[in-house]
Amino acid sequence: FEGGMGFEQQFMEKCHVIRAQYGAIGDELQGRMPLAYAHIVQVLLDVVLWMYPFMALSTGMAWYIGILGTGLLTMFYQGLFDLAKQFLDPYDNENYGKGDDPLVIDTLIAET
C-alpha cells in the first residue's frame, strides 16, 4: 500500500470503527428486552380480555356474540403476548423457538 498521512489516518479510523463494531456484537447478543415489557403487555391484554364481555353485554350485544368475540380476542391477543415473550430473548439464546418458555424461575430471579 502506498499512501501518506491521509491514508494512514483513514486506515486507523476504519480499524477503530471495525473494532468498535466487533466489541458491540457481544452486547447486542446479550441485549434483552426488559422483563417489565412482557409483564405490562400481559396486564394490558388481561384487562382488555376481562373487560370485553362486560362491554359487549352493556351495549346490548347478544350473549353468544360476546362469547364468540371474547374467544377470538383471546386467540389473537395470545399471539401478541407470545411476541412480547420473544422480545425477552430476541436472538433465541435460550431456545424459545424450540418450544421452551423463556419465563423460567432462574431468569426471573436473575433479572429482579
Foldseek 3Di string as FASTA:
>chain_A
DDDDPVVVVVVVVVVVVVVVVVVCVVVVQPDADAPVQLVVLVVVLVVCLVCQLVVCVVVPHDNVVSVVVSVVSVVVSVVVSVVSQCRRRVVCPPVVVVVDRPPDDVVVVVND
